[in-house]
């Protein structure tokens, strides 16, 4: 399965293939899993794809939650130069601050992240993303229906792109209110589709590279009773349709794993066994920097064979 994907990457690399000028009829997509701070792993993997020059070989990039943010950095070609944001204390401690819960303010401030960090402190190349020949598909969860929603068609300018990034990462309760786009409210993609494989397959993906943030021995678990009570009240008031998929996340994650495992042309890149479990709101520099480095190395080991000159990650 993975060899089929690697062969397509090698063929496209040798041909100098570019979107819109393919010699094959494949649709090769990159899926980027999120998970809030756990996204440090998939960010590191995205850095390796950037360094190896593999992005133009893909036809589309799909991202869920923090995975959508990571995908955006890859698409604008600025992932490596801005990787230190993951372990810069002032950025992480302002973006994630559990003490804000005491004042009934969002623990995770995605508005600060997207509209201050990504525009003033470490500018993201919004126009480069808009102009990219590689399609960008950030995923979010419709607050009223609970359905996974591809926001690709909602992105027409920088403001729309920023709204889509925030919507994809709008963690229930922790990130505050749902994000509204064109009269519809959205919450975090991870509620309905943590790894956007269903959406990609529905859009005729033939070959898949999935950047994962969970090890093979990590599984989603059912929320404890107290968390179910608190979250049920939050969903009932702000995102009633999203409660059901949130409660069914074990089954949803299981279906995603089944689809990825059974697809005939899939390469999954995961943190190796023994890697540190990164919590949703982890903000300590050392574990996050380690996760980025582990992700870079895991992707290098999986993908370096695509290139004539393997690139060391250092």
Protein backbone atom coordinates (compact mmCIF):
# COMPACT_ATOMS: atom_id res chain seq x y z
CA UNK A 1 0.00 0.00 0.00
CA UNK A 2 2.62 2.56 1.02
CA UNK A 3 4.89 1.47 -1.84
CA UNK A 4 2.18 2.41 -4.32
CA UNK A 5 2.14 5.94 -2.93
CA UNK A 6 5.93 6.20 -2.83
CA UNK A 7 6.14 5.06 -6.44
CA UNK A 8 3.68 7.75 -7.52
CA UNK A 9 5.70 10.36 -5.64
CA UNK A 10 8.91 9.15 -7.29
CA UNK A 11 7.31 9.20 -10.73
CA UNK A 12 5.94 12.68 -10.28
CA UNK A 13 9.27 13.90 -8.90
CA UNK A 14 11.17 12.57 -11.92
CA UNK A 15 8.63 14.04 -14.32
CA UNK A 16 8.70 17.45 -12.67
CA UNK A 17 4.95 17.04 -12.29
CA UNK A 18 2.89 20.05 -11.22
CA UNK A 19 -0.83 20.54 -10.51
CA UNK A 20 -2.74 20.96 -13.76
CA UNK A 21 0.11 19.40 -15.76
CA UNK A 22 0.00 15.77 -14.64
CA UNK A 23 0.84 12.82 -16.87
CA UNK A 24 -1.21 10.47 -14.71
CA UNK A 25 -4.86 10.36 -13.71
CA UNK A 26 -4.21 9.92 -9.98
CA UNK A 27 -5.47 12.29 -7.30
CA UNK A 28 -2.81 12.33 -4.60
CA UNK A 29 -3.86 14.04 -1.38
CA UNK A 30 -2.18 14.95 1.88
CA UNK A 31 -4.22 14.57 5.07
CA UNK A 32 -3.03 16.44 8.15
CA UNK A 33 -4.38 15.35 11.52
CA UNK A 34 -4.65 17.88 14.32
CA UNK A 35 -5.44 17.58 18.00
CA UNK A 36 -4.53 21.03 19.36
CA UNK A 37 -1.01 20.87 20.85
CA UNK A 38 -0.63 17.31 19.58
CA UNK A 39 -0.44 18.93 16.15
CA UNK A 40 3.24 19.60 16.89
CA UNK A 41 3.87 16.11 15.52
CA UNK A 42 2.15 16.72 12.18
CA UNK A 43 3.77 20.17 11.95
CA UNK A 44 7.18 18.53 12.10
CA UNK A 45 6.10 16.11 9.36
CA UNK A 46 4.94 19.05 7.22
CA UNK A 47 8.38 20.64 7.61
CA UNK A 48 9.99 17.57 6.06
CA UNK A 49 7.57 17.64 3.12
CA UNK A 50 8.50 21.29 2.62
CA UNK A 51 12.24 20.61 2.84
CA UNK A 52 12.05 17.69 0.42
CA UNK A 53 10.13 19.82 -2.09
CA UNK A 54 7.23 17.35 -2.25
CA UNK A 55 4.28 19.75 -1.95
CA UNK A 56 3.83 20.29 -5.74
CA UNK A 57 3.44 16.54 -6.16
CA UNK A 58 0.13 16.65 -4.27
CA UNK A 59 -3.17 17.66 -5.82
CA UNK A 60 -4.83 18.72 -2.57
CA UNK A 61 -4.14 19.14 1.12
CA UNK A 62 -6.86 18.43 3.71
CA UNK A 63 -6.48 19.54 7.32
CA UNK A 64 -8.51 19.10 10.49
CA UNK A 65 -8.19 21.50 13.44
CA UNK A 66 -4.50 22.16 14.17
CA UNK A 67 -3.84 20.07 11.08
CA UNK A 68 -5.50 22.78 8.98
CA UNK A 69 -3.20 25.38 10.52
CA UNK A 70 -0.18 23.17 9.81
CA UNK A 71 -1.35 22.62 6.24
CA UNK A 72 -1.63 26.36 5.72
CA UNK A 73 1.97 26.90 6.80
CA UNK A 74 3.08 24.18 4.40
CA UNK A 75 1.07 25.62 1.51
CA UNK A 76 2.65 29.06 1.89
CA UNK A 77 6.14 27.58 2.15
CA UNK A 78 6.86 29.00 5.60
CA UNK A 79 6.58 25.96 7.85
CA UNK A 80 10.25 25.52 8.64
CA UNK A 81 11.07 29.17 9.23
CA UNK A 82 8.23 29.53 11.74
CA UNK A 83 8.50 26.22 13.57
CA UNK A 84 9.85 27.96 16.69
CA UNK A 85 6.35 29.31 17.35
CA UNK A 86 5.62 25.89 18.87
CA UNK A 87 8.12 26.41 21.67
CA UNK A 88 8.17 30.22 22.03
CA UNK A 89 6.78 30.72 25.56
CA UNK A 90 5.15 34.11 24.96
CA UNK A 91 3.18 32.79 21.99
CA UNK A 92 2.12 29.48 23.51
CA UNK A 93 1.26 30.93 26.92
CA UNK A 94 -0.88 33.63 25.33
CA UNK A 95 -2.55 31.25 22.90
CA UNK A 96 -3.22 28.63 25.58
CA UNK A 97 -3.92 29.83 29.10
CA UNK A 98 -5.97 27.57 31.42
CA UNK A 99 -6.36 30.42 33.91
CA UNK A 100 -8.72 32.19 31.53
CA UNK A 101 -11.32 29.54 32.31
CA UNK A 102 -11.69 31.12 35.76
CA UNK A 103 -12.85 34.31 34.03
CA UNK A 104 -15.07 32.39 31.59
CA UNK A 105 -12.84 33.30 28.69
CA UNK A 106 -11.48 30.90 26.04
CA UNK A 107 -8.59 28.76 27.22
CA UNK A 108 -7.40 28.51 23.60
CA UNK A 109 -7.37 31.91 21.90
CA UNK A 110 -7.52 31.17 18.17
CA UNK A 111 -8.34 34.81 17.40
CA UNK A 112 -4.99 35.88 18.86
CA UNK A 113 -3.26 33.04 17.01
CA UNK A 114 -4.72 33.75 13.57
CA UNK A 115 -5.14 37.52 13.69
CA UNK A 116 -2.06 38.51 15.70
CA UNK A 117 0.57 35.76 15.54
CA UNK A 118 -0.18 34.85 11.92
CA UNK A 119 -0.45 38.47 10.75
CA UNK A 120 1.95 40.52 12.88
CA UNK A 121 4.40 38.33 14.80
CA UNK A 122 5.07 35.50 12.34
CA UNK A 123 3.21 36.48 9.16
CA UNK A 124 1.58 33.63 7.29
CA UNK A 125 1.61 33.88 3.50
CA UNK A 126 -2.15 34.15 3.10
CA UNK A 127 -1.92 35.24 -0.53
CA UNK A 128 0.43 32.38 -1.38
CA UNK A 129 -2.15 29.96 0.01
CA UNK A 130 -4.93 31.59 -1.99
CA UNK A 131 -2.81 31.44 -5.14
CA UNK A 132 -1.53 27.90 -4.61
CA UNK A 133 -2.19 25.40 -7.39
CA UNK A 134 -2.43 22.74 -4.68
CA UNK A 135 -5.99 22.82 -3.35
CA UNK A 136 -6.53 23.65 0.32
CA UNK A 137 -9.41 21.93 2.12
CA UNK A 138 -9.74 22.94 5.78
CA UNK A 139 -12.42 20.87 7.51
CA UNK A 140 -14.84 22.00 10.24
CA UNK A 141 -17.96 20.63 11.94
CA UNK A 142 -21.33 22.24 11.23
CA UNK A 143 -22.74 23.33 14.60
CA UNK A 144 -26.36 22.66 13.66
CA UNK A 145 -26.06 19.39 11.73
CA UNK A 146 -22.90 17.91 13.25
CA UNK A 147 -21.63 17.07 9.77
CA UNK A 148 -18.05 17.31 8.67
CA UNK A 149 -17.82 20.25 6.25
CA UNK A 150 -15.18 21.11 3.69
CA UNK A 151 -14.61 24.90 3.78
CA UNK A 152 -12.69 25.00 0.50
CA UNK A 153 -15.48 26.77 -1.38
CA UNK A 154 -15.83 29.38 1.38
CA UNK A 155 -12.31 30.73 0.90
CA UNK A 156 -12.06 33.66 -1.52
CA UNK A 157 -9.83 36.16 0.26
CA UNK A 158 -7.63 36.56 3.32
CA UNK A 159 -10.55 37.20 5.66
CA UNK A 160 -12.30 34.04 4.45
CA UNK A 161 -9.12 32.03 4.84
CA UNK A 162 -8.59 33.30 8.38
CA UNK A 163 -12.19 32.49 9.28
CA UNK A 164 -11.81 28.96 7.88
CA UNK A 165 -8.65 28.38 9.92
CA UNK A 166 -10.36 29.52 13.10
CA UNK A 167 -13.47 27.46 12.37
CA UNK A 168 -11.45 24.29 11.79
CA UNK A 169 -9.71 24.78 15.16
CA UNK A 170 -12.72 26.02 17.18
CA UNK A 171 -12.42 23.49 20.00
CA UNK A 172 -15.74 23.12 21.84
CA UNK A 173 -15.75 25.07 25.11
CA UNK A 174 -11.95 25.53 25.18
CA UNK A 175 -11.87 27.92 22.21
CA UNK A 176 -15.05 29.79 23.07
CA UNK A 177 -17.94 30.40 20.72
CA UNK A 178 -18.41 28.65 17.35
CA UNK A 179 -17.06 30.55 14.35
CA UNK A 180 -19.61 31.93 11.90
CA UNK A 181 -19.00 31.82 8.15
CA UNK A 182 -21.66 33.09 5.76
CA UNK A 183 -24.44 32.64 8.29
CA UNK A 184 -23.41 29.13 9.38
CA UNK A 185 -21.70 28.26 12.66
CA UNK A 186 -18.82 25.83 12.91
CA UNK A 187 -16.81 24.08 15.61
CA UNK A 188 -13.61 22.08 15.55
CA UNK A 189 -13.13 19.56 12.75
CA UNK A 190 -12.05 16.94 15.26
CA UNK A 191 -15.62 16.60 16.49
CA UNK A 192 -16.71 14.96 13.25
CA UNK A 193 -13.55 14.09 11.28
CA UNK A 194 -10.19 14.09 13.05
CA UNK A 195 -8.44 12.69 9.99
CA UNK A 196 -10.26 14.01 6.88
CA UNK A 197 -10.16 10.70 5.02
CA UNK A 198 -13.92 10.44 4.42
CA UNK A 199 -14.01 13.84 2.76
CA UNK A 200 -10.94 13.12 0.66
CA UNK A 201 -12.30 9.78 -0.57
CA UNK A 202 -15.67 11.36 -1.36
CA UNK A 203 -13.74 13.81 -3.54
CA UNK A 204 -12.09 10.97 -5.46
CA UNK A 205 -8.71 10.71 -3.82
CA UNK A 206 -6.82 7.76 -5.29
CA UNK A 207 -3.59 8.01 -3.28
CA UNK A 208 -3.20 9.23 0.30
CA UNK A 209 -0.39 10.41 2.55
CA UNK A 210 -1.68 10.92 6.10
CA UNK A 211 0.31 12.86 8.69
CA UNK A 212 -0.86 11.47 12.01
CA UNK A 213 -0.51 12.80 15.54
CA UNK A 214 -1.41 9.60 17.38
CA UNK A 215 0.84 6.57 17.72
CA UNK A 216 -0.51 3.22 16.58
CA UNK A 217 -1.14 2.22 20.19
CA UNK A 218 -3.19 5.35 21.02
CA UNK A 219 -6.95 5.26 20.70
CA UNK A 220 -9.78 7.68 21.36
CA UNK A 221 -11.66 7.03 24.56
CA UNK A 222 -15.19 7.80 25.69
CA UNK A 223 -15.45 11.03 27.71
CA UNK A 224 -15.91 10.61 31.47
CA UNK A 225 -19.30 11.33 33.02
CA UNK A 226 -18.45 14.80 34.33
CA UNK A 227 -17.03 15.87 30.99
CA UNK A 228 -20.12 14.54 29.18
CA UNK A 229 -22.35 16.59 31.47
CA UNK A 230 -20.42 19.83 31.02
CA UNK A 231 -19.96 19.42 27.30
CA UNK A 232 -23.58 18.38 26.72
CA UNK A 233 -24.71 21.66 28.23
CA UNK A 234 -22.24 23.61 26.09
CA UNK A 235 -23.30 21.85 22.88
CA UNK A 236 -27.01 22.25 23.67
CA UNK A 237 -26.62 26.03 23.85
CA UNK A 238 -24.11 26.65 21.08
CA UNK A 239 -23.76 23.68 18.72
CA UNK A 240 -26.66 21.26 19.24
CA UNK A 241 -25.99 19.18 16.14
CA UNK A 242 -22.39 18.54 17.10
CA UNK A 243 -23.14 16.75 20.36
CA UNK A 244 -23.93 13.40 18.76
CA UNK A 245 -20.66 13.07 16.81
CA UNK A 246 -18.73 14.28 19.85
CA UNK A 247 -20.28 11.50 21.96
CA UNK A 248 -19.64 8.99 19.16
CA UNK A 249 -16.02 9.94 18.64
CA UNK A 250 -14.74 6.43 19.41
CA UNK A 251 -16.78 4.99 16.54
CA UNK A 252 -15.88 7.86 14.23
CA UNK A 253 -12.16 7.46 14.91
CA UNK A 254 -12.49 3.73 14.44
CA UNK A 255 -14.07 4.23 11.02
CA UNK A 256 -11.29 6.61 10.01
CA UNK A 257 -8.69 4.04 11.02
CA UNK A 258 -10.52 1.36 9.06
CA UNK A 259 -10.70 3.49 5.92
CA UNK A 260 -7.02 4.39 6.09
CA UNK A 261 -5.95 0.82 6.77
CA UNK A 262 -8.05 -0.66 3.99
CA UNK A 263 -7.41 1.88 1.24
CA UNK A 264 -5.14 0.31 -1.41
CA UNK A 265 -2.82 3.32 -1.78
CA UNK A 266 -2.18 4.91 1.61
CA UNK A 267 0.98 5.92 3.44
CA UNK A 268 0.47 6.82 7.10
CA UNK A 269 3.24 8.62 8.96
CA UNK A 270 2.91 8.45 12.75
CA UNK A 271 4.93 9.30 15.84
CA UNK A 272 6.88 6.16 16.72
CA UNK A 273 5.97 3.94 19.63
CA UNK A 274 7.24 5.40 22.87
CA UNK A 275 6.79 9.01 21.76
CA UNK A 276 5.49 11.37 24.41
CA UNK A 277 1.72 11.76 24.66
CA UNK A 278 1.02 15.45 24.07
CA UNK A 279 -2.10 16.80 25.76
CA UNK A 280 -4.58 19.13 24.06
CA UNK A 281 -3.40 22.17 25.99
CA UNK A 282 0.29 21.34 26.34
CA UNK A 283 2.35 24.55 26.17
CA UNK A 284 5.70 23.62 27.72
CA UNK A 285 8.54 24.32 25.27
CA UNK A 286 10.55 21.10 25.71
CA UNK A 287 7.80 18.53 24.95
CA UNK A 288 6.53 20.58 22.01
CA UNK A 289 9.96 21.05 20.49
CA UNK A 290 10.62 17.34 20.91
CA UNK A 291 7.33 16.51 19.19
CA UNK A 292 8.20 18.72 16.22
CA UNK A 293 11.61 17.07 15.91
CA UNK A 294 10.14 13.57 16.18
CA UNK A 295 7.59 14.41 13.50
CA UNK A 296 10.32 15.68 11.17
CA UNK A 297 12.36 12.53 11.59
CA UNK A 298 9.37 10.20 11.18
CA UNK A 299 8.45 11.86 7.89
CA UNK A 300 12.04 11.81 6.67
CA UNK A 301 12.30 8.08 7.27
CA UNK A 302 9.02 7.50 5.44
CA UNK A 303 9.56 9.86 2.49
CA UNK A 304 13.26 10.37 1.89
CA UNK A 305 13.23 7.55 -0.67
CA UNK A 306 11.14 9.75 -2.95
CA UNK A 307 14.15 11.97 -3.61
CA UNK A 308 17.43 11.30 -5.32
CA UNK A 309 19.28 13.12 -2.55
CA UNK A 310 17.85 12.28 0.88
CA UNK A 311 17.82 15.26 3.21
CA UNK A 312 19.02 15.06 6.78
CA UNK A 313 16.80 16.55 9.43
CA UNK A 314 18.85 18.58 11.86
